[in-house]
Amino acid sequence: MNEHGQRRREYYYPIDMEGSTWWTRLSISHQDYSKEVDRLRNVGIVAGFSTGILLLHLHASLLIGYFLKPLQKVVEVGKAIRRGF
């Protein structure tokens, strides 16, 4: 935390300039540091739910088709009875 109460990350890196060492400092807020990770996590959650719903819909459609197939015979018999056969 800095003097303003903000959570920050600080990184130091030495640079050798003709025998003299200079230090660079990077100070970044915790929010900026984790922004991309948070965004990727949210995209992953949405993609996971979307994929799950798509697979559930596909599976339900296949199961409904499978279980309704025997009723097709009943429909054909009903049509035949209507025609008088």
PDB file of N, CA and C in Angstrom:
ATOM      1  N   MET A   1       0.846  -1.183   0.000  1.00  0.00           N
ATOM      2  CA  MET A   1       0.000   0.000   0.000  1.00  0.00           C
ATOM      3  C   MET A   1       0.890   1.243   0.000  1.00  0.00           C
ATOM      4  N   ASN A   2       0.410   2.232  -0.710  1.00  0.00           N
ATOM      5  CA  ASN A   2       1.173   3.469  -0.720  1.00  0.00           C
ATOM      6  C   ASN A   2       0.614   4.431   0.328  1.00  0.00           C
ATOM      7  N   GLU A   3       1.102   5.647   0.315  1.00  0.00           N
ATOM      8  CA  GLU A   3       0.685   6.625   1.332  1.00  0.00           C
ATOM      9  C   GLU A   3      -0.766   7.069   1.192  1.00  0.00           C
ATOM     10  N   HIS A   4      -1.381   6.771   0.033  1.00  0.00           N
ATOM     11  CA  HIS A   4      -2.783   7.132  -0.190  1.00  0.00           C
ATOM     12  C   HIS A   4      -3.730   5.971   0.100  1.00  0.00           C
ATOM     13  N   GLY A   5      -3.201   4.879   0.596  1.00  0.00           N
ATOM     14  CA  GLY A   5      -4.015   3.723   0.929  1.00  0.00           C
ATOM     15  C   GLY A   5      -4.378   2.846  -0.261  1.00  0.00           C
ATOM     16  N   GLN A   6      -3.707   3.040  -1.392  1.00  0.00           N
ATOM     17  CA  GLN A   6      -3.981   2.236  -2.576  1.00  0.00           C
ATOM     18  C   GLN A   6      -3.052   1.027  -2.616  1.00  0.00           C
ATOM     19  N   ARG A   7      -3.629  -0.105  -3.015  1.00  0.00           N
ATOM     20  CA  ARG A   7      -2.793  -1.291  -3.185  1.00  0.00           C
ATOM     21  C   ARG A   7      -2.045  -1.165  -4.501  1.00  0.00           C
ATOM     22  N   ARG A   8      -0.735  -1.269  -4.445  1.00  0.00           N
ATOM     23  CA  ARG A   8       0.078  -1.135  -5.645  1.00  0.00           C
ATOM     24  C   ARG A   8       1.150  -2.207  -5.652  1.00  0.00           C
ATOM     25  N   ARG A   9       1.577  -2.551  -6.848  1.00  0.00           N
ATOM     26  CA  ARG A   9       2.707  -3.457  -7.032  1.00  0.00           C
ATOM     27  C   ARG A   9       3.870  -2.628  -7.562  1.00  0.00           C
ATOM     28  N   GLU A  10       5.035  -2.896  -7.044  1.00  0.00           N
ATOM     29  CA  GLU A  10       6.222  -2.179  -7.508  1.00  0.00           C
ATOM     30  C   GLU A  10       7.264  -3.185  -7.961  1.00  0.00           C
ATOM     31  N   TYR A  11       7.854  -2.888  -9.102  1.00  0.00           N
ATOM     32  CA  TYR A  11       8.888  -3.742  -9.668  1.00  0.00           C
ATOM     33  C   TYR A  11      10.118  -2.879  -9.929  1.00  0.00           C
ATOM     34  N   TYR A  12      11.281  -3.421  -9.599  1.00  0.00           N
ATOM     35  CA  TYR A  12      12.550  -2.736  -9.820  1.00  0.00           C
ATOM     36  C   TYR A  12      13.394  -3.582 -10.749  1.00  0.00           C
ATOM     37  N   TYR A  13      14.110  -2.902 -11.673  1.00  0.00           N
ATOM     38  CA  TYR A  13      14.947  -3.613 -12.626  1.00  0.00           C
ATOM     39  C   TYR A  13      16.242  -2.822 -12.833  1.00  0.00           C
ATOM     40  N   PRO A  14      17.383  -3.503 -12.678  1.00  0.00           N
ATOM     41  CA  PRO A  14      18.661  -2.790 -12.868  1.00  0.00           C
ATOM     42  C   PRO A  14      19.033  -2.682 -14.346  1.00  0.00           C
ATOM     43  N   ILE A  15      19.592  -1.537 -14.703  1.00  0.00           N
ATOM     44  CA  ILE A  15      20.101  -1.324 -16.059  1.00  0.00           C
ATOM     45  C   ILE A  15      21.556  -0.908 -15.928  1.00  0.00           C
ATOM     46  N   ASP A  16      22.432  -1.618 -16.636  1.00  0.00           N
ATOM     47  CA  ASP A  16      23.854  -1.303 -16.601  1.00  0.00           C
ATOM     48  C   ASP A  16      24.173  -0.316 -17.722  1.00  0.00           C
ATOM     49  N   MET A  17      24.580   0.897 -17.334  1.00  0.00           N
ATOM     50  CA  MET A  17      24.903   1.936 -18.306  1.00  0.00           C
ATOM     51  C   MET A  17      26.390   2.292 -18.172  1.00  0.00           C
ATOM     52  N   GLU A  18      27.201   1.690 -19.020  1.00  0.00           N
ATOM     53  CA  GLU A  18      28.647   1.964 -19.066  1.00  0.00           C
ATOM     54  C   GLU A  18      29.287   1.839 -17.683  1.00  0.00           C
ATOM     55  N   GLY A  19      29.016   0.730 -17.020  1.00  0.00           N
ATOM     56  CA  GLY A  19      29.633   0.463 -15.734  1.00  0.00           C
ATOM     57  C   GLY A  19      28.881   1.047 -14.548  1.00  0.00           C
ATOM     58  N   SER A  20      27.858   1.835 -14.787  1.00  0.00           N
ATOM     59  CA  SER A  20      27.052   2.417 -13.723  1.00  0.00           C
ATOM     60  C   SER A  20      25.673   1.743 -13.731  1.00  0.00           C
ATOM     61  N   THR A  21      25.189   1.403 -12.566  1.00  0.00           N
ATOM     62  CA  THR A  21      23.888   0.738 -12.476  1.00  0.00           C
ATOM     63  C   THR A  21      22.805   1.762 -12.193  1.00  0.00           C
ATOM     64  N   TRP A  22      21.831   1.772 -13.065  1.00  0.00           N
ATOM     65  CA  TRP A  22      20.647   2.607 -12.891  1.00  0.00           C
ATOM     66  C   TRP A  22      19.472   1.687 -12.617  1.00  0.00           C
ATOM     67  N   TRP A  23      18.570   2.116 -11.793  1.00  0.00           N
ATOM     68  CA  TRP A  23      17.407   1.299 -11.444  1.00  0.00           C
ATOM     69  C   TRP A  23      16.146   1.925 -12.018  1.00  0.00           C
ATOM     70  N   THR A  24      15.350   1.079 -12.640  1.00  0.00           N
ATOM     71  CA  THR A  24      14.047   1.532 -13.110  1.00  0.00           C
ATOM     72  C   THR A  24      12.985   0.981 -12.164  1.00  0.00           C
ATOM     73  N   ARG A  25      11.934   1.736 -12.006  1.00  0.00           N
ATOM     74  CA  ARG A  25      10.858   1.318 -11.113  1.00  0.00           C
ATOM     75  C   ARG A  25       9.534   1.402 -11.856  1.00  0.00           C
ATOM     76  N   LEU A  26       8.748   0.354 -11.726  1.00  0.00           N
ATOM     77  CA  LEU A  26       7.402   0.324 -12.288  1.00  0.00           C
ATOM     78  C   LEU A  26       6.441   0.178 -11.123  1.00  0.00           C
ATOM     79  N   SER A  27       5.521   1.101 -11.021  1.00  0.00           N
ATOM     80  CA  SER A  27       4.506   1.056  -9.978  1.00  0.00           C
ATOM     81  C   SER A  27       3.144   1.007 -10.662  1.00  0.00           C
ATOM     82  N   ILE A  28       2.395  -0.033 -10.362  1.00  0.00           N
ATOM     83  CA  ILE A  28       1.100  -0.230 -11.006  1.00  0.00           C
ATOM     84  C   ILE A  28       0.078  -0.594  -9.934  1.00  0.00           C
ATOM     85  N   SER A  29      -1.127  -0.061 -10.086  1.00  0.00           N
ATOM     86  CA  SER A  29      -2.163  -0.354  -9.094  1.00  0.00           C
ATOM     87  C   SER A  29      -2.583  -1.812  -9.216  1.00  0.00           C
ATOM     88  N   HIS A  30      -3.032  -2.351  -8.114  1.00  0.00           N
ATOM     89  CA  HIS A  30      -3.464  -3.753  -8.105  1.00  0.00           C
ATOM     90  C   HIS A  30      -4.621  -3.956  -9.081  1.00  0.00           C
ATOM     91  N   GLN A  31      -5.514  -2.988  -9.187  1.00  0.00           N
ATOM     92  CA  GLN A  31      -6.654  -3.086 -10.099  1.00  0.00           C
ATOM     93  C   GLN A  31      -6.183  -3.165 -11.545  1.00  0.00           C
ATOM     94  N   ASP A  32      -5.236  -2.318 -11.942  1.00  0.00           N
ATOM     95  CA  ASP A  32      -4.710  -2.368 -13.308  1.00  0.00           C
ATOM     96  C   ASP A  32      -3.949  -3.664 -13.561  1.00  0.00           C
ATOM     97  N   TYR A  33      -3.249  -4.138 -12.534  1.00  0.00           N
ATOM     98  CA  TYR A  33      -2.455  -5.357 -12.664  1.00  0.00           C
ATOM     99  C   TYR A  33      -3.351  -6.564 -12.943  1.00  0.00           C
ATOM    100  N   SER A  34      -4.495  -6.633 -12.287  1.00  0.00           N
ATOM    101  CA  SER A  34      -5.347  -7.819 -12.418  1.00  0.00           C
ATOM    102  C   SER A  34      -6.513  -7.617 -13.383  1.00  0.00           C
ATOM    103  N   LYS A  35      -6.559  -6.495 -14.090  1.00  0.00           N
ATOM    104  CA  LYS A  35      -7.671  -6.200 -14.995  1.00  0.00           C
ATOM    105  C   LYS A  35      -7.799  -7.246 -16.103  1.00  0.00           C
ATOM    106  N   GLU A  36      -6.728  -7.599 -16.756  1.00  0.00           N
ATOM    107  CA  GLU A  36      -6.773  -8.563 -17.854  1.00  0.00           C
ATOM    108  C   GLU A  36      -7.123  -9.956 -17.350  1.00  0.00           C
ATOM    109  N   VAL A  37      -6.600 -10.323 -16.207  1.00  0.00           N
ATOM    110  CA  VAL A  37      -6.918 -11.635 -15.631  1.00  0.00           C
ATOM    111  C   VAL A  37      -8.407 -11.705 -15.310  1.00  0.00           C
ATOM    112  N   ASP A  38      -8.944 -10.638 -14.743  1.00  0.00           N
ATOM    113  CA  ASP A  38     -10.378 -10.599 -14.436  1.00  0.00           C
ATOM    114  C   ASP A  38     -11.212 -10.686 -15.709  1.00  0.00           C
ATOM    115  N   ARG A  39     -10.802  -9.988 -16.741  1.00  0.00           N
ATOM    116  CA  ARG A  39     -11.539 -10.004 -18.004  1.00  0.00           C
ATOM    117  C   ARG A  39     -11.518 -11.400 -18.618  1.00  0.00           C
ATOM    118  N   LEU A  40     -10.350 -12.037 -18.637  1.00  0.00           N
ATOM    119  CA  LEU A  40     -10.249 -13.382 -19.192  1.00  0.00           C
ATOM    120  C   LEU A  40     -11.064 -14.381 -18.382  1.00  0.00           C
ATOM    121  N   ARG A  41     -11.086 -14.217 -17.064  1.00  0.00           N
ATOM    122  CA  ARG A  41     -11.889 -15.090 -16.220  1.00  0.00           C
ATOM    123  C   ARG A  41     -13.368 -14.940 -16.563  1.00  0.00           C
ATOM    124  N   ASN A  42     -13.828 -13.709 -16.727  1.00  0.00           N
ATOM    125  CA  ASN A  42     -15.235 -13.467 -17.057  1.00  0.00           C
ATOM    126  C   ASN A  42     -15.594 -14.031 -18.428  1.00  0.00           C
ATOM    127  N   VAL A  43     -14.701 -13.873 -19.403  1.00  0.00           N
ATOM    128  CA  VAL A  43     -14.937 -14.436 -20.731  1.00  0.00           C
ATOM    129  C   VAL A  43     -15.005 -15.962 -20.641  1.00  0.00           C
ATOM    130  N   GLY A  44     -14.134 -16.556 -19.848  1.00  0.00           N
ATOM    131  CA  GLY A  44     -14.147 -18.007 -19.674  1.00  0.00           C
ATOM    132  C   GLY A  44     -15.430 -18.499 -19.031  1.00  0.00           C
ATOM    133  N   ILE A  45     -15.928 -17.763 -18.047  1.00  0.00           N
ATOM    134  CA  ILE A  45     -17.180 -18.150 -17.394  1.00  0.00           C
ATOM    135  C   ILE A  45     -18.338 -18.089 -18.382  1.00  0.00           C
ATOM    136  N   VAL A  46     -18.417 -17.003 -19.137  1.00  0.00           N
ATOM    137  CA  VAL A  46     -19.498 -16.862 -20.121  1.00  0.00           C
ATOM    138  C   VAL A  46     -19.392 -17.942 -21.196  1.00  0.00           C
ATOM    139  N   ALA A  47     -18.184 -18.207 -21.672  1.00  0.00           N
ATOM    140  CA  ALA A  47     -17.995 -19.242 -22.698  1.00  0.00           C
ATOM    141  C   ALA A  47     -18.359 -20.620 -22.149  1.00  0.00           C
ATOM    142  N   GLY A  48     -18.007 -20.875 -20.904  1.00  0.00           N
ATOM    143  CA  GLY A  48     -18.344 -22.157 -20.297  1.00  0.00           C
ATOM    144  C   GLY A  48     -19.837 -22.350 -20.159  1.00  0.00           C
ATOM    145  N   PHE A  49     -20.532 -21.331 -19.672  1.00  0.00           N
ATOM    146  CA  PHE A  49     -21.984 -21.428 -19.548  1.00  0.00           C
ATOM    147  C   PHE A  49     -22.642 -21.567 -20.919  1.00  0.00           C
ATOM    148  N   SER A  50     -22.169 -20.822 -21.898  1.00  0.00           N
ATOM    149  CA  SER A  50     -22.735 -20.896 -23.248  1.00  0.00           C
ATOM    150  C   SER A  50     -22.550 -22.291 -23.835  1.00  0.00           C
ATOM    151  N   THR A  51     -21.370 -22.847 -23.670  1.00  0.00           N
ATOM    152  CA  THR A  51     -21.104 -24.195 -24.171  1.00  0.00           C
ATOM    153  C   THR A  51     -21.975 -25.212 -23.457  1.00  0.00           C
ATOM    154  N   GLY A  52     -22.123 -25.061 -22.155  1.00  0.00           N
ATOM    155  CA  GLY A  52     -22.972 -25.971 -21.384  1.00  0.00           C
ATOM    156  C   GLY A  52     -24.420 -25.922 -21.829  1.00  0.00           C
ATOM    157  N   ILE A  53     -24.938 -24.730 -22.043  1.00  0.00           N
ATOM    158  CA  ILE A  53     -26.328 -24.582 -22.486  1.00  0.00           C
ATOM    159  C   ILE A  53     -26.494 -25.173 -23.883  1.00  0.00           C
ATOM    160  N   LEU A  54     -25.528 -24.938 -24.775  1.00  0.00           N
ATOM    161  CA  LEU A  54     -25.593 -25.488 -26.124  1.00  0.00           C
ATOM    162  C   LEU A  54     -25.589 -27.020 -26.093  1.00  0.00           C
ATOM    163  N   LEU A  55     -24.702 -27.604 -25.293  1.00  0.00           N
ATOM    164  CA  LEU A  55     -24.654 -29.064 -25.193  1.00  0.00           C
ATOM    165  C   LEU A  55     -25.924 -29.626 -24.560  1.00  0.00           C
ATOM    166  N   LEU A  56     -26.457 -28.945 -23.572  1.00  0.00           N
ATOM    167  CA  LEU A  56     -27.703 -29.379 -22.941  1.00  0.00           C
ATOM    168  C   LEU A  56     -28.853 -29.354 -23.948  1.00  0.00           C
ATOM    169  N   HIS A  57     -28.925 -28.302 -24.743  1.00  0.00           N
ATOM    170  CA  HIS A  57     -29.964 -28.187 -25.766  1.00  0.00           C
ATOM    171  C   HIS A  57     -29.829 -29.301 -26.812  1.00  0.00           C
ATOM    172  N   LEU A  58     -28.614 -29.553 -27.262  1.00  0.00           N
ATOM    173  CA  LEU A  58     -28.372 -30.606 -28.248  1.00  0.00           C
ATOM    174  C   LEU A  58     -28.757 -31.967 -27.680  1.00  0.00           C
ATOM    175  N   HIS A  59     -28.331 -32.239 -26.472  1.00  0.00           N
ATOM    176  CA  HIS A  59     -28.631 -33.514 -25.825  1.00  0.00           C
ATOM    177  C   HIS A  59     -30.136 -33.680 -25.629  1.00  0.00           C
ATOM    178  N   ALA A  60     -30.816 -32.640 -25.186  1.00  0.00           N
ATOM    179  CA  ALA A  60     -32.268 -32.707 -24.991  1.00  0.00           C
ATOM    180  C   ALA A  60     -32.984 -32.935 -26.320  1.00  0.00           C
ATOM    181  N   SER A  61     -32.541 -32.280 -27.384  1.00  0.00           N
ATOM    182  CA  SER A  61     -33.162 -32.468 -28.699  1.00  0.00           C
ATOM    183  C   SER A  61     -33.010 -33.909 -29.172  1.00  0.00           C
ATOM    184  N   LEU A  62     -31.828 -34.468 -28.989  1.00  0.00           N
ATOM    185  CA  LEU A  62     -31.611 -35.857 -29.405  1.00  0.00           C
ATOM    186  C   LEU A  62     -32.455 -36.822 -28.581  1.00  0.00           C
ATOM    187  N   LEU A  63     -32.528 -36.588 -27.284  1.00  0.00           N
ATOM    188  CA  LEU A  63     -33.331 -37.461 -26.433  1.00  0.00           C
ATOM    189  C   LEU A  63     -34.821 -37.363 -26.752  1.00  0.00           C
ATOM    190  N   ILE A  64     -35.313 -36.172 -26.981  1.00  0.00           N
ATOM    191  CA  ILE A  64     -36.722 -35.991 -27.318  1.00  0.00           C
ATOM    192  C   ILE A  64     -37.045 -36.702 -28.628  1.00  0.00           C
ATOM    193  N   GLY A  65     -36.161 -36.554 -29.612  1.00  0.00           N
ATOM    194  CA  GLY A  65     -36.362 -37.251 -30.884  1.00  0.00           C
ATOM    195  C   GLY A  65     -36.362 -38.757 -30.706  1.00  0.00           C
ATOM    196  N   TYR A  66     -35.477 -39.261 -29.871  1.00  0.00           N
ATOM    197  CA  TYR A  66     -35.385 -40.693 -29.628  1.00  0.00           C
ATOM    198  C   TYR A  66     -36.649 -41.219 -28.941  1.00  0.00           C
ATOM    199  N   PHE A  67     -37.136 -40.484 -27.944  1.00  0.00           N
ATOM    200  CA  PHE A  67     -38.303 -40.950 -27.197  1.00  0.00           C
ATOM    201  C   PHE A  67     -39.620 -40.737 -27.951  1.00  0.00           C
ATOM    202  N   LEU A  68     -39.656 -39.810 -28.892  1.00  0.00           N
ATOM    203  CA  LEU A  68     -40.882 -39.578 -29.646  1.00  0.00           C
ATOM    204  C   LEU A  68     -40.990 -40.448 -30.894  1.00  0.00           C
ATOM    205  N   LYS A  69     -39.916 -41.119 -31.269  1.00  0.00           N
ATOM    206  CA  LYS A  69     -39.927 -41.961 -32.469  1.00  0.00           C
ATOM    207  C   LYS A  69     -41.008 -43.047 -32.407  1.00  0.00           C
ATOM    208  N   PRO A  70     -41.239 -43.741 -31.282  1.00  0.00           N
ATOM    209  CA  PRO A  70     -42.316 -44.748 -31.241  1.00  0.00           C
ATOM    210  C   PRO A  70     -43.701 -44.149 -31.483  1.00  0.00           C
ATOM    211  N   LEU A  71     -43.893 -42.879 -31.146  1.00  0.00           N
ATOM    212  CA  LEU A  71     -45.192 -42.263 -31.384  1.00  0.00           C
ATOM    213  C   LEU A  71     -45.473 -42.073 -32.865  1.00  0.00           C
ATOM    214  N   GLN A  72     -44.462 -42.088 -33.691  1.00  0.00           N
ATOM    215  CA  GLN A  72     -44.647 -41.958 -35.133  1.00  0.00           C
ATOM    216  C   GLN A  72     -45.472 -43.125 -35.666  1.00  0.00           C
ATOM    217  N   LYS A  73     -45.234 -44.320 -35.128  1.00  0.00           N
ATOM    218  CA  LYS A  73     -46.024 -45.488 -35.536  1.00  0.00           C
ATOM    219  C   LYS A  73     -47.496 -45.284 -35.183  1.00  0.00           C
ATOM    220  N   VAL A  74     -47.786 -44.715 -34.014  1.00  0.00           N
ATOM    221  CA  VAL A  74     -49.160 -44.453 -33.600  1.00  0.00           C
ATOM    222  C   VAL A  74     -49.808 -43.467 -34.560  1.00  0.00           C
ATOM    223  N   VAL A  75     -49.074 -42.447 -34.988  1.00  0.00           N
ATOM    224  CA  VAL A  75     -49.587 -41.465 -35.937  1.00  0.00           C
ATOM    225  C   VAL A  75     -49.896 -42.134 -37.261  1.00  0.00           C
ATOM    226  N   GLU A  76     -49.000 -42.996 -37.733  1.00  0.00           N
ATOM    227  CA  GLU A  76     -49.220 -43.684 -39.009  1.00  0.00           C
ATOM    228  C   GLU A  76     -50.458 -44.589 -38.932  1.00  0.00           C
ATOM    229  N   VAL A  77     -50.638 -45.289 -37.825  1.00  0.00           N
ATOM    230  CA  VAL A  77     -51.813 -46.147 -37.656  1.00  0.00           C
ATOM    231  C   VAL A  77     -53.076 -45.291 -37.627  1.00  0.00           C
ATOM    232  N   GLY A  78     -53.043 -44.151 -36.944  1.00  0.00           N
ATOM    233  CA  GLY A  78     -54.193 -43.248 -36.899  1.00  0.00           C
ATOM    234  C   GLY A  78     -54.560 -42.744 -38.278  1.00  0.00           C
ATOM    235  N   LYS A  79     -53.568 -42.412 -39.087  1.00  0.00           N
ATOM    236  CA  LYS A  79     -53.840 -41.944 -40.454  1.00  0.00           C
ATOM    237  C   LYS A  79     -54.443 -43.071 -41.290  1.00  0.00           C
ATOM    238  N   ALA A  80     -53.926 -44.279 -41.091  1.00  0.00           N
ATOM    239  CA  ALA A  80     -54.451 -45.429 -41.840  1.00  0.00           C
ATOM    240  C   ALA A  80     -55.896 -45.714 -41.459  1.00  0.00           C
ATOM    241  N   ILE A  81     -56.221 -45.584 -40.166  1.00  0.00           N
ATOM    242  CA  ILE A  81     -57.582 -45.806 -39.708  1.00  0.00           C
ATOM    243  C   ILE A  81     -58.504 -44.734 -40.294  1.00  0.00           C
ATOM    244  N   ARG A  82     -58.025 -43.494 -40.362  1.00  0.00           N
ATOM    245  CA  ARG A  82     -58.814 -42.405 -40.916  1.00  0.00           C
ATOM    246  C   ARG A  82     -59.134 -42.643 -42.387  1.00  0.00           C
ATOM    247  N   ARG A  83     -58.169 -43.202 -43.098  1.00  0.00           N
ATOM    248  CA  ARG A  83     -58.382 -43.470 -44.522  1.00  0.00           C
ATOM    249  C   ARG A  83     -59.242 -44.716 -44.731  1.00  0.00           C
ATOM    250  N   GLY A  84     -59.432 -45.499 -43.704  1.00  0.00           N
ATOM    251  CA  GLY A  84     -60.289 -46.688 -43.808  1.00  0.00           C
ATOM    252  C   GLY A  84     -59.532 -47.972 -44.045  1.00  0.00           C
ATOM    253  N   PHE A  85     -58.262 -48.016 -43.820  1.00  0.00           N
ATOM    254  CA  PHE A  85     -57.487 -49.242 -44.015  1.00  0.00           C
ATOM    255  C   PHE A  85     -57.336 -49.983 -42.729  1.00  0.00           C
TER     256      PHE A  85
END
